[in-house]
Amino acid sequence: MNRILRFYSKLIVLSTFALLLSMTGIQTLAATSEDLNQDSAQALQALYRVNPAAAAISKQAKAILVFPKVVKAGLVFGGSYGEGVLMKGGHVTDYYNTVSASWGWQIGAESYAYVVFLMNDKAVKYLAKSKGWEFGIGPSIVVVNEGLAKNLTTSTLKDDAYAFVTDQEGLMASLSFEGTKISRIKR
């Protein structure tokens, strides 16, 4: 009985990752540096149009990480993947990917964009020197929702980084444990 249970568990894991790779691999790997730069600039401008707080925060940020398209899928086990850029002074300086793995009650697939404003030198240096930024380890990061965004002002910005999620498409039901890591990639 235990062998059968292990077999089905492995089958679910492999199926989930195969689904995730099929959804992300074709689009993500096909993007050139120029495409990624353009998509990131468009995602950032779209965020500024719908969220004035993000535009205000950008003026004080030391650097901005932009992931224009992250694809997430899950069925008990899940994951996400996306590629993005690091911008300093309005110019792309490096390329990064974001990868997450999750386990728990979840089903579905979705895509979204997210932007992380790095507010101080501590956060920028940590990103540059670490072998990847794991959320929850290192500088503090605040995920900004609509309610929090209304209360943010340039004088209340005290954390190392602020993240905004936008352009969500698809349907994902989830009650799971998740870990996210951002790492530099070569382009």
N, C-alpha and C. Protein backbone atom coordinates (compact mmCIF):
# COMPACT_ATOMS: atom_id res chain seq x y z
N MET A 1 0.82 -1.20 0.00
CA MET A 1 0.00 0.00 0.00
C MET A 1 0.87 1.26 0.00
N ASN A 2 1.95 1.24 0.81
CA ASN A 2 2.84 2.40 0.86
C ASN A 2 3.51 2.66 -0.47
N ARG A 3 3.84 1.60 -1.22
CA ARG A 3 4.45 1.78 -2.54
C ARG A 3 3.50 2.47 -3.49
N ILE A 4 2.26 2.10 -3.45
CA ILE A 4 1.26 2.71 -4.32
C ILE A 4 1.09 4.18 -3.96
N LEU A 5 1.04 4.48 -2.70
CA LEU A 5 0.91 5.87 -2.24
C LEU A 5 2.12 6.70 -2.66
N ARG A 6 3.30 6.15 -2.51
CA ARG A 6 4.52 6.86 -2.94
C ARG A 6 4.53 7.05 -4.45
N PHE A 7 4.09 6.03 -5.19
CA PHE A 7 4.05 6.14 -6.65
C PHE A 7 3.13 7.29 -7.07
N TYR A 8 1.94 7.36 -6.48
CA TYR A 8 1.00 8.43 -6.85
C TYR A 8 1.50 9.79 -6.40
N SER A 9 2.18 9.86 -5.27
CA SER A 9 2.75 11.13 -4.82
C SER A 9 3.80 11.61 -5.81
N LYS A 10 4.67 10.71 -6.23
CA LYS A 10 5.70 11.08 -7.22
C LYS A 10 5.06 11.48 -8.54
N LEU A 11 4.03 10.77 -8.93
CA LEU A 11 3.33 11.08 -10.17
C LEU A 11 2.71 12.48 -10.12
N ILE A 12 2.13 12.84 -9.01
CA ILE A 12 1.54 14.18 -8.85
C ILE A 12 2.63 15.25 -8.91
N VAL A 13 3.73 15.02 -8.23
CA VAL A 13 4.83 15.99 -8.24
C VAL A 13 5.36 16.17 -9.66
N LEU A 14 5.65 15.08 -10.33
CA LEU A 14 6.18 15.16 -11.69
C LEU A 14 5.18 15.81 -12.65
N SER A 15 3.92 15.49 -12.50
CA SER A 15 2.89 16.09 -13.36
C SER A 15 2.78 17.59 -13.14
N THR A 16 2.85 18.02 -11.90
CA THR A 16 2.76 19.44 -11.58
C THR A 16 3.93 20.19 -12.19
N PHE A 17 5.14 19.67 -12.00
CA PHE A 17 6.31 20.36 -12.54
C PHE A 17 6.33 20.30 -14.06
N ALA A 18 5.84 19.22 -14.66
CA ALA A 18 5.75 19.16 -16.12
C ALA A 18 4.78 20.22 -16.63
N LEU A 19 3.65 20.37 -15.95
CA LEU A 19 2.68 21.41 -16.31
C LEU A 19 3.30 22.78 -16.18
N LEU A 20 3.98 23.02 -15.09
CA LEU A 20 4.62 24.31 -14.86
C LEU A 20 5.67 24.59 -15.93
N LEU A 21 6.51 23.63 -16.22
CA LEU A 21 7.54 23.84 -17.23
C LEU A 21 6.95 24.07 -18.61
N SER A 22 5.90 23.35 -18.94
CA SER A 22 5.29 23.54 -20.25
C SER A 22 4.67 24.93 -20.37
N MET A 23 4.15 25.45 -19.27
CA MET A 23 3.52 26.78 -19.30
C MET A 23 4.57 27.88 -19.32
N THR A 24 5.66 27.72 -18.60
CA THR A 24 6.64 28.80 -18.47
C THR A 24 7.79 28.67 -19.45
N GLY A 25 8.19 27.47 -19.73
CA GLY A 25 9.39 27.26 -20.52
C GLY A 25 9.36 27.89 -21.89
N ILE A 26 8.29 27.72 -22.61
CA ILE A 26 8.21 28.22 -23.97
C ILE A 26 8.25 29.73 -23.99
N GLN A 27 7.42 30.40 -23.20
CA GLN A 27 7.36 31.85 -23.21
C GLN A 27 8.59 32.47 -22.57
N THR A 28 9.01 31.97 -21.44
CA THR A 28 10.08 32.61 -20.70
C THR A 28 11.42 32.45 -21.39
N LEU A 29 11.74 31.28 -21.89
CA LEU A 29 13.02 31.06 -22.51
C LEU A 29 13.11 31.71 -23.88
N ALA A 30 11.98 31.97 -24.51
CA ALA A 30 11.98 32.56 -25.84
C ALA A 30 12.23 34.07 -25.79
N ALA A 31 12.07 34.69 -24.65
CA ALA A 31 12.22 36.14 -24.54
C ALA A 31 13.69 36.54 -24.66
N THR A 32 13.95 37.55 -25.48
CA THR A 32 15.30 38.08 -25.59
C THR A 32 15.48 39.15 -24.51
N SER A 33 16.70 39.61 -24.34
CA SER A 33 16.97 40.69 -23.39
C SER A 33 16.15 41.93 -23.73
N GLU A 34 16.08 42.23 -25.02
CA GLU A 34 15.32 43.40 -25.45
C GLU A 34 13.83 43.25 -25.14
N ASP A 35 13.30 42.05 -25.37
CA ASP A 35 11.89 41.78 -25.04
C ASP A 35 11.65 41.95 -23.55
N LEU A 36 12.55 41.40 -22.75
CA LEU A 36 12.42 41.48 -21.29
C LEU A 36 12.51 42.92 -20.81
N ASN A 37 13.43 43.69 -21.38
CA ASN A 37 13.55 45.12 -21.04
C ASN A 37 12.25 45.86 -21.36
N GLN A 38 11.72 45.61 -22.56
CA GLN A 38 10.50 46.29 -23.00
C GLN A 38 9.29 45.86 -22.16
N ASP A 39 9.14 44.57 -21.92
CA ASP A 39 8.02 44.07 -21.11
C ASP A 39 8.09 44.61 -19.68
N SER A 40 9.30 44.71 -19.14
CA SER A 40 9.47 45.23 -17.78
C SER A 40 9.10 46.71 -17.71
N ALA A 41 9.52 47.48 -18.69
CA ALA A 41 9.18 48.91 -18.73
C ALA A 41 7.67 49.10 -18.83
N GLN A 42 7.02 48.28 -19.65
CA GLN A 42 5.56 48.37 -19.79
C GLN A 42 4.86 47.96 -18.49
N ALA A 43 5.33 46.92 -17.83
CA ALA A 43 4.72 46.47 -16.57
C ALA A 43 4.86 47.56 -15.51
N LEU A 44 6.01 48.21 -15.46
CA LEU A 44 6.24 49.27 -14.48
C LEU A 44 5.32 50.46 -14.75
N GLN A 45 5.19 50.86 -16.00
CA GLN A 45 4.30 51.98 -16.34
C GLN A 45 2.84 51.64 -16.06
N ALA A 46 2.45 50.38 -16.32
CA ALA A 46 1.07 49.95 -16.02
C ALA A 46 0.81 50.02 -14.52
N LEU A 47 1.78 49.62 -13.70
CA LEU A 47 1.64 49.71 -12.25
C LEU A 47 1.48 51.16 -11.81
N TYR A 48 2.29 52.05 -12.36
CA TYR A 48 2.21 53.47 -11.99
C TYR A 48 0.84 54.07 -12.33
N ARG A 49 0.27 53.63 -13.47
CA ARG A 49 -1.05 54.15 -13.88
C ARG A 49 -2.16 53.76 -12.90
N VAL A 50 -2.11 52.54 -12.38
CA VAL A 50 -3.18 52.07 -11.50
C VAL A 50 -2.88 52.29 -10.02
N ASN A 51 -1.63 52.59 -9.69
CA ASN A 51 -1.28 52.73 -8.28
C ASN A 51 -0.32 53.91 -8.09
N PRO A 52 -0.85 55.09 -7.81
CA PRO A 52 0.00 56.27 -7.63
C PRO A 52 1.02 56.12 -6.50
N ALA A 53 0.72 55.31 -5.48
CA ALA A 53 1.67 55.10 -4.39
C ALA A 53 2.94 54.46 -4.92
N ALA A 54 2.83 53.55 -5.88
CA ALA A 54 4.01 52.91 -6.46
C ALA A 54 4.87 53.94 -7.18
N ALA A 55 4.24 54.84 -7.89
CA ALA A 55 5.00 55.90 -8.59
C ALA A 55 5.73 56.78 -7.59
N ALA A 56 5.10 57.09 -6.47
CA ALA A 56 5.74 57.92 -5.44
C ALA A 56 6.91 57.18 -4.79
N ILE A 57 6.72 55.89 -4.51
CA ILE A 57 7.78 55.09 -3.90
C ILE A 57 8.98 54.99 -4.84
N SER A 58 8.72 54.89 -6.13
CA SER A 58 9.82 54.73 -7.10
C SER A 58 10.80 55.89 -7.07
N LYS A 59 10.32 57.06 -6.71
CA LYS A 59 11.18 58.24 -6.67
C LYS A 59 12.21 58.16 -5.55
N GLN A 60 11.93 57.38 -4.51
CA GLN A 60 12.88 57.23 -3.40
C GLN A 60 13.65 55.91 -3.45
N ALA A 61 13.24 55.00 -4.31
CA ALA A 61 13.89 53.68 -4.39
C ALA A 61 15.30 53.79 -4.94
N LYS A 62 16.20 52.99 -4.38
CA LYS A 62 17.58 52.91 -4.88
C LYS A 62 17.66 52.04 -6.13
N ALA A 63 16.76 51.05 -6.22
CA ALA A 63 16.71 50.15 -7.37
C ALA A 63 15.31 49.54 -7.42
N ILE A 64 14.95 49.02 -8.59
CA ILE A 64 13.62 48.43 -8.78
C ILE A 64 13.78 47.10 -9.51
N LEU A 65 13.25 46.03 -8.93
CA LEU A 65 13.17 44.72 -9.59
C LEU A 65 11.81 44.61 -10.24
N VAL A 66 11.77 44.28 -11.52
CA VAL A 66 10.51 44.17 -12.25
C VAL A 66 10.44 42.78 -12.88
N PHE A 67 9.40 42.03 -12.52
CA PHE A 67 9.12 40.73 -13.13
C PHE A 67 7.81 40.88 -13.89
N PRO A 68 7.87 41.08 -15.23
CA PRO A 68 6.65 41.38 -15.98
C PRO A 68 5.69 40.21 -16.14
N LYS A 69 6.19 38.99 -16.06
CA LYS A 69 5.29 37.84 -16.19
C LYS A 69 5.84 36.67 -15.38
N VAL A 70 5.11 36.32 -14.34
CA VAL A 70 5.43 35.15 -13.52
C VAL A 70 4.27 34.19 -13.69
N VAL A 71 4.58 32.94 -13.98
CA VAL A 71 3.53 31.93 -14.16
C VAL A 71 3.59 30.97 -12.98
N LYS A 72 2.42 30.72 -12.40
CA LYS A 72 2.31 29.85 -11.23
C LYS A 72 1.29 28.77 -11.52
N ALA A 73 1.61 27.52 -11.13
CA ALA A 73 0.68 26.41 -11.29
C ALA A 73 0.83 25.47 -10.10
N GLY A 74 -0.25 24.81 -9.76
CA GLY A 74 -0.17 23.89 -8.64
C GLY A 74 -1.30 22.91 -8.59
N LEU A 75 -0.99 21.75 -8.10
CA LEU A 75 -1.95 20.70 -7.79
C LEU A 75 -1.31 19.93 -6.64
N VAL A 76 -1.62 20.29 -5.42
CA VAL A 76 -0.99 19.85 -4.19
C VAL A 76 0.44 20.41 -4.12
N PHE A 77 1.32 20.03 -5.04
CA PHE A 77 2.63 20.62 -5.16
C PHE A 77 2.57 21.65 -6.27
N GLY A 78 3.29 22.74 -6.12
CA GLY A 78 3.23 23.76 -7.15
C GLY A 78 4.52 24.55 -7.22
N GLY A 79 4.51 25.48 -8.12
CA GLY A 79 5.68 26.34 -8.27
C GLY A 79 5.38 27.48 -9.21
N SER A 80 6.33 28.40 -9.27
CA SER A 80 6.21 29.53 -10.19
C SER A 80 7.58 29.88 -10.72
N TYR A 81 7.57 30.58 -11.86
CA TYR A 81 8.82 31.00 -12.47
C TYR A 81 8.57 32.25 -13.30
N GLY A 82 9.53 33.15 -13.27
CA GLY A 82 9.48 34.34 -14.11
C GLY A 82 10.86 34.97 -14.19
N GLU A 83 11.08 35.76 -15.22
CA GLU A 83 12.33 36.48 -15.36
C GLU A 83 12.07 37.97 -15.37
N GLY A 84 13.05 38.73 -14.88
CA GLY A 84 12.87 40.16 -14.80
C GLY A 84 14.18 40.91 -14.83
N VAL A 85 14.08 42.21 -14.57
CA VAL A 85 15.23 43.09 -14.65
C VAL A 85 15.41 43.86 -13.35
N LEU A 86 16.64 44.29 -13.10
CA LEU A 86 16.94 45.21 -12.02
C LEU A 86 17.25 46.55 -12.67
N MET A 87 16.52 47.57 -12.25
CA MET A 87 16.71 48.91 -12.80
C MET A 87 17.29 49.83 -11.74
N LYS A 88 18.29 50.61 -12.15
CA LYS A 88 18.85 51.66 -11.30
C LYS A 88 18.89 52.92 -12.14
N GLY A 89 18.33 53.99 -11.60
CA GLY A 89 18.31 55.24 -12.35
C GLY A 89 17.58 55.15 -13.67
N GLY A 90 16.57 54.28 -13.75
CA GLY A 90 15.79 54.15 -14.97
C GLY A 90 16.42 53.28 -16.04
N HIS A 91 17.58 52.67 -15.74
CA HIS A 91 18.28 51.82 -16.72
C HIS A 91 18.41 50.40 -16.20
N VAL A 92 18.30 49.43 -17.10
CA VAL A 92 18.46 48.02 -16.74
C VAL A 92 19.94 47.75 -16.47
N THR A 93 20.23 47.18 -15.29
CA THR A 93 21.62 46.87 -14.93
C THR A 93 21.90 45.37 -14.84
N ASP A 94 20.89 44.57 -14.50
CA ASP A 94 21.06 43.13 -14.35
C ASP A 94 19.74 42.42 -14.65
N TYR A 95 19.85 41.09 -14.79
CA TYR A 95 18.68 40.25 -15.03
C TYR A 95 18.56 39.24 -13.89
N TYR A 96 17.32 38.95 -13.52
CA TYR A 96 17.05 38.05 -12.40
C TYR A 96 15.90 37.11 -12.76
N ASN A 97 15.83 35.99 -12.02
CA ASN A 97 14.64 35.15 -12.11
C ASN A 97 14.04 35.02 -10.71
N THR A 98 12.79 34.66 -10.69
CA THR A 98 12.09 34.40 -9.44
C THR A 98 11.51 33.00 -9.54
N VAL A 99 11.76 32.21 -8.52
CA VAL A 99 11.32 30.81 -8.49
C VAL A 99 10.68 30.56 -7.14
N SER A 100 9.56 29.87 -7.15
CA SER A 100 8.95 29.48 -5.88
C SER A 100 8.49 28.04 -5.97
N ALA A 101 8.44 27.42 -4.82
CA ALA A 101 7.90 26.07 -4.69
C ALA A 101 6.91 26.10 -3.54
N SER A 102 5.85 25.32 -3.67
CA SER A 102 4.84 25.32 -2.62
C SER A 102 4.27 23.92 -2.44
N TRP A 103 3.71 23.73 -1.26
CA TRP A 103 3.10 22.46 -0.93
C TRP A 103 1.88 22.75 -0.06
N GLY A 104 0.80 22.09 -0.36
CA GLY A 104 -0.42 22.27 0.43
C GLY A 104 -1.64 22.16 -0.44
N TRP A 105 -2.74 22.66 0.08
CA TRP A 105 -3.99 22.60 -0.66
C TRP A 105 -3.96 23.69 -1.72
N GLN A 106 -3.85 23.29 -3.00
CA GLN A 106 -3.82 24.25 -4.09
C GLN A 106 -4.18 23.57 -5.40
N ILE A 107 -4.79 24.33 -6.27
CA ILE A 107 -5.12 23.84 -7.60
C ILE A 107 -5.31 25.04 -8.52
N GLY A 108 -4.78 24.93 -9.72
CA GLY A 108 -5.00 25.98 -10.70
C GLY A 108 -3.71 26.51 -11.29
N ALA A 109 -3.88 27.58 -12.07
CA ALA A 109 -2.74 28.24 -12.70
C ALA A 109 -3.07 29.71 -12.85
N GLU A 110 -2.06 30.55 -12.76
CA GLU A 110 -2.25 31.98 -12.92
C GLU A 110 -0.94 32.61 -13.38
N SER A 111 -1.05 33.82 -13.90
CA SER A 111 0.13 34.60 -14.21
C SER A 111 -0.06 35.98 -13.60
N TYR A 112 1.03 36.63 -13.30
CA TYR A 112 0.99 37.95 -12.70
C TYR A 112 2.33 38.64 -12.92
N ALA A 113 2.35 39.93 -12.67
CA ALA A 113 3.59 40.69 -12.67
C ALA A 113 3.85 41.13 -11.24
N TYR A 114 5.10 41.29 -10.88
CA TYR A 114 5.37 41.93 -9.61
C TYR A 114 6.61 42.80 -9.68
N VAL A 115 6.57 43.84 -8.85
CA VAL A 115 7.62 44.85 -8.82
C VAL A 115 8.07 44.99 -7.36
N VAL A 116 9.38 44.98 -7.15
CA VAL A 116 9.95 45.15 -5.81
C VAL A 116 10.80 46.41 -5.81
N PHE A 117 10.42 47.37 -4.97
CA PHE A 117 11.18 48.60 -4.82
C PHE A 117 12.19 48.42 -3.69
N LEU A 118 13.48 48.50 -4.00
CA LEU A 118 14.54 48.37 -3.01
C LEU A 118 14.86 49.78 -2.52
N MET A 119 14.57 50.02 -1.25
CA MET A 119 14.56 51.39 -0.74
C MET A 119 15.89 51.89 -0.18
N ASN A 120 16.82 50.99 0.08
CA ASN A 120 18.07 51.46 0.68
C ASN A 120 19.24 50.64 0.15
N ASP A 121 20.44 51.12 0.46
CA ASP A 121 21.66 50.45 -0.01
C ASP A 121 21.78 49.05 0.58
N LYS A 122 21.29 48.85 1.80
CA LYS A 122 21.33 47.53 2.44
C LYS A 122 20.64 46.48 1.57
N ALA A 123 19.45 46.79 1.08
CA ALA A 123 18.69 45.85 0.25
C ALA A 123 19.37 45.61 -1.09
N VAL A 124 19.89 46.67 -1.70
CA VAL A 124 20.57 46.54 -3.00
C VAL A 124 21.84 45.71 -2.85
N LYS A 125 22.62 45.97 -1.81
CA LYS A 125 23.85 45.21 -1.58
C LYS A 125 23.55 43.74 -1.28
N TYR A 126 22.50 43.49 -0.51
CA TYR A 126 22.15 42.11 -0.19
C TYR A 126 21.80 41.34 -1.46
N LEU A 127 21.03 41.96 -2.33
CA LEU A 127 20.64 41.32 -3.60
C LEU A 127 21.88 41.04 -4.44
N ALA A 128 22.81 41.97 -4.50
CA ALA A 128 24.01 41.82 -5.32
C ALA A 128 24.97 40.77 -4.76
N LYS A 129 25.11 40.69 -3.44
CA LYS A 129 26.12 39.81 -2.84
C LYS A 129 25.61 38.42 -2.49
N SER A 130 24.30 38.29 -2.31
CA SER A 130 23.77 36.97 -1.92
C SER A 130 23.66 36.08 -3.14
N LYS A 131 23.57 34.81 -2.89
CA LYS A 131 23.39 33.84 -3.98
C LYS A 131 21.90 33.69 -4.28
N GLY A 132 21.16 34.72 -4.05
CA GLY A 132 19.73 34.71 -4.25
C GLY A 132 19.03 35.21 -3.00
N TRP A 133 18.02 35.97 -3.18
CA TRP A 133 17.27 36.57 -2.08
C TRP A 133 16.08 35.68 -1.80
N GLU A 134 16.07 35.08 -0.63
CA GLU A 134 14.93 34.28 -0.21
C GLU A 134 14.04 35.18 0.63
N PHE A 135 12.79 35.34 0.21
CA PHE A 135 11.88 36.19 0.98
C PHE A 135 11.75 35.61 2.38
N GLY A 136 11.83 36.49 3.37
CA GLY A 136 11.78 36.07 4.76
C GLY A 136 13.16 35.99 5.38
N ILE A 137 14.19 36.03 4.54
CA ILE A 137 15.57 36.02 5.01
C ILE A 137 16.24 37.27 4.44
N GLY A 138 17.03 37.95 5.22
CA GLY A 138 17.70 39.15 4.73
C GLY A 138 16.87 40.39 5.00
N PRO A 139 16.98 41.40 4.12
CA PRO A 139 16.24 42.65 4.33
C PRO A 139 14.73 42.42 4.41
N SER A 140 14.05 43.30 5.14
CA SER A 140 12.60 43.15 5.30
C SER A 140 11.88 43.59 4.02
N ILE A 141 10.84 42.85 3.67
CA ILE A 141 10.05 43.18 2.49
C ILE A 141 8.59 43.23 2.88
N VAL A 142 7.88 44.23 2.38
CA VAL A 142 6.46 44.40 2.65
C VAL A 142 5.71 44.22 1.34
N VAL A 143 4.75 43.30 1.29
CA VAL A 143 3.90 43.16 0.12
C VAL A 143 2.75 44.14 0.29
N VAL A 144 2.64 45.05 -0.66
CA VAL A 144 1.69 46.14 -0.55
C VAL A 144 0.37 45.76 -1.21
N ASN A 145 -0.70 45.80 -0.42
CA ASN A 145 -2.03 45.60 -0.99
C ASN A 145 -2.69 46.96 -1.18
N GLU A 146 -3.88 46.97 -1.71
CA GLU A 146 -4.56 48.23 -2.03
C GLU A 146 -4.77 49.10 -0.79
N GLY A 147 -5.14 48.50 0.33
CA GLY A 147 -5.37 49.26 1.56
C GLY A 147 -4.11 49.90 2.10
N LEU A 148 -3.01 49.13 2.11
CA LEU A 148 -1.74 49.66 2.59
C LEU A 148 -1.23 50.76 1.67
N ALA A 149 -1.42 50.59 0.37
CA ALA A 149 -0.92 51.57 -0.60
C ALA A 149 -1.54 52.95 -0.35
N LYS A 150 -2.78 52.99 0.08
CA LYS A 150 -3.45 54.27 0.33
C LYS A 150 -2.82 55.01 1.51
N ASN A 151 -2.21 54.28 2.44
CA ASN A 151 -1.64 54.88 3.63
C ASN A 151 -0.14 55.14 3.54
N LEU A 152 0.49 54.71 2.45
CA LEU A 152 1.93 54.93 2.32
C LEU A 152 2.21 56.35 1.85
N THR A 153 3.14 56.98 2.52
CA THR A 153 3.62 58.29 2.09
C THR A 153 5.14 58.23 2.11
N THR A 154 5.77 59.21 1.51
CA THR A 154 7.23 59.20 1.48
C THR A 154 7.82 59.30 2.88
N SER A 155 7.07 59.81 3.84
CA SER A 155 7.60 59.89 5.21
C SER A 155 7.34 58.62 6.02
N THR A 156 6.48 57.72 5.55
CA THR A 156 6.21 56.48 6.29
C THR A 156 6.99 55.29 5.76
N LEU A 157 7.81 55.48 4.74
CA LEU A 157 8.57 54.39 4.15
C LEU A 157 9.75 54.04 5.05
N LYS A 158 9.63 52.97 5.81
CA LYS A 158 10.66 52.58 6.77
C LYS A 158 11.29 51.22 6.47
N ASP A 159 10.67 50.41 5.62
CA ASP A 159 11.17 49.06 5.35
C ASP A 159 12.19 49.07 4.23
N ASP A 160 12.89 47.93 4.09
CA ASP A 160 13.96 47.80 3.09
C ASP A 160 13.42 47.66 1.67
N ALA A 161 12.25 47.03 1.53
CA ALA A 161 11.71 46.77 0.20
C ALA A 161 10.18 46.71 0.25
N TYR A 162 9.56 47.14 -0.85
CA TYR A 162 8.11 47.09 -0.99
C TYR A 162 7.78 46.40 -2.31
N ALA A 163 6.88 45.41 -2.25
CA ALA A 163 6.50 44.64 -3.44
C ALA A 163 5.04 44.88 -3.79
N PHE A 164 4.78 45.04 -5.08
CA PHE A 164 3.43 45.21 -5.61
C PHE A 164 3.17 44.10 -6.61
N VAL A 165 2.02 43.45 -6.51
CA VAL A 165 1.61 42.41 -7.45
C VAL A 165 0.51 43.01 -8.31
N THR A 166 0.60 42.79 -9.63
CA THR A 166 -0.36 43.37 -10.55
C THR A 166 -0.60 42.44 -11.74
N ASP A 167 -1.56 42.76 -12.57
CA ASP A 167 -1.88 42.03 -13.81
C ASP A 167 -2.15 40.54 -13.59
N GLN A 168 -2.90 40.21 -12.53
CA GLN A 168 -3.20 38.81 -12.27
C GLN A 168 -4.22 38.29 -13.27
N GLU A 169 -3.92 37.11 -13.83
CA GLU A 169 -4.81 36.42 -14.76
C GLU A 169 -4.84 34.95 -14.39
N GLY A 170 -5.97 34.31 -14.58
CA GLY A 170 -6.09 32.89 -14.28
C GLY A 170 -6.80 32.69 -12.97
N LEU A 171 -6.83 31.45 -12.54
CA LEU A 171 -7.52 31.10 -11.30
C LEU A 171 -6.65 30.13 -10.51
N MET A 172 -6.36 30.51 -9.28
CA MET A 172 -5.54 29.68 -8.41
C MET A 172 -6.16 29.70 -7.03
N ALA A 173 -6.57 28.54 -6.55
CA ALA A 173 -7.05 28.42 -5.18
C ALA A 173 -5.91 27.81 -4.38
N SER A 174 -5.57 28.45 -3.26
CA SER A 174 -4.37 28.00 -2.56
C SER A 174 -4.45 28.26 -1.07
N LEU A 175 -4.06 27.28 -0.32
CA LEU A 175 -3.81 27.40 1.11
C LEU A 175 -2.58 26.53 1.33
N SER A 176 -1.39 27.16 1.13
CA SER A 176 -0.17 26.37 1.07
C SER A 176 1.00 27.10 1.70
N PHE A 177 2.09 26.36 1.90
CA PHE A 177 3.34 26.92 2.36
C PHE A 177 4.20 27.17 1.13
N GLU A 178 4.81 28.34 1.06
CA GLU A 178 5.54 28.69 -0.14
C GLU A 178 6.85 29.37 0.20
N GLY A 179 7.87 29.10 -0.58
CA GLY A 179 9.15 29.78 -0.47
C GLY A 179 9.50 30.38 -1.81
N THR A 180 10.01 31.62 -1.81
CA THR A 180 10.36 32.31 -3.05
C THR A 180 11.81 32.73 -3.00
N LYS A 181 12.49 32.58 -4.13
CA LYS A 181 13.89 32.97 -4.22
C LYS A 181 14.11 33.76 -5.50
N ILE A 182 14.87 34.85 -5.38
CA ILE A 182 15.23 35.68 -6.52
C ILE A 182 16.73 35.54 -6.73
N SER A 183 17.16 35.20 -7.95
CA SER A 183 18.57 34.98 -8.24
C SER A 183 18.97 35.68 -9.53
N ARG A 184 20.24 36.12 -9.58
CA ARG A 184 20.77 36.76 -10.80
C ARG A 184 20.95 35.71 -11.88
N ILE A 185 20.66 36.09 -13.13
CA ILE A 185 20.87 35.22 -14.28
C ILE A 185 21.68 35.99 -15.31
N LYS A 186 22.29 35.26 -16.22
CA LYS A 186 23.05 35.89 -17.30
C LYS A 186 22.17 35.99 -18.52
N ARG A 187 22.23 37.08 -19.17
CA ARG A 187 21.48 37.32 -20.42
C ARG A 187 22.43 37.79 -21.48
